[in-house]
Amino acid sequence: MDKQKIGLLVMAYGTPSSLNEVEEYYTHIRRGNPPTPEKLQELIDRYEAIGGVSPLNAITKSQVEGLERKLNESTCSFQVYVGMKHAHPFIEETVEQMAKDGIHQVIGIVLAPHYSIMSIGAYNKTAREAAQAHGLEISCVDSYHLESLFVDALVLRVEAALARFPKAERKETMVLFTAHSLPEKIVEMNDPYPRQLRETAEAIATRVGISHWDNGWQSAGQTNVPWLGPDILEKMTMLKAEGVKQLLICPIGFVSDHLEVLYDIDIECQKLAQELDIHLERTASLNDDPLFIEALADVVLRKVNEH
């Protein structure tokens, strides 16, 4: 790439900015099918339980700003944009803005470390189609699940969370590395998603010296097809039956605090943990941690240098 300004398209899931947007947001996720009144109320109740609105948009903004600062310490000149999958500004809207701003070269990266054709693959496909429509050249990052600074940041979080257990119990603490579930059919497609999640978990477990660990699944869709499981709540019940009394959840598939972390783990899983008499802790999310931002910058700069 020449020395003209490089456009970085940072892609994220998006979240409602207020409770008034919840219906529109979930209708978009459900491809134009609004949630039932009962489901809508359940979703609103969840947002109210975490304070009325998800911090995801604010965190994404902070991540993007930090990444732009870090990248512009390099020899390249970057202008960083954010595009959302299910909220404004949508990926297509952002690519259009990039074209209007005179950007010609674009790097795309998703705020999700593990590749699946149904997740990062879908983001990148949307970005490529939008770029093609506006005559932009785009190169997309597929995954960064073993990026060294990304793993370093998670290792520090696991060590900090384990320190919250009594010293005598740490060796026996079970660590569950969780991520968003996807339809089971991806296994037949030889999709790399489950393998990449296992690789990240294994890298962390090896570094920290964890002997009891497994992968777990969250947020399975309510559809007619089977999803990867067992679900985290079911898994907790199974672990209790196996004699587990200390559990640490590390949501490696998510890089920010949002509903799947703040509600699913901090509220639902904690409630079940109390019922099961399990001591449950969670690792802090990466959010705008400088080590994570540096990891993303390294990934982007490597992509630039491929050209």
Foldseek 3Di string as FASTA:
>chain_A
DDQDAEEEEEEEADFDPFLVCQQQLVCVVVVNDTDDPVVSVVVQVLCVVLPGTWCVVVLVVLLQVLLQVVLCVDSHHYDYDYAHCRDPPHLLNGLVVCLVVVHAHYEYEYQFAFAFCVPLVVVVVVNVVSCVVSNHHYHYDGHCLVQPLLLVLLLVLVVVFLVVDPPVCSQVEEEEAEAAKDFPCSVVVVTCRVVSSVVSVVSSCVVNVHDHYYYAYADDDPDPTHIDDDHPLVVVVVVLVVPAAEYEYEHNRHQDGTSRPCRVCVPVVVVSSVVSNHHYYYGDHNRNPVSVSVSVSVSRVVSVVVD
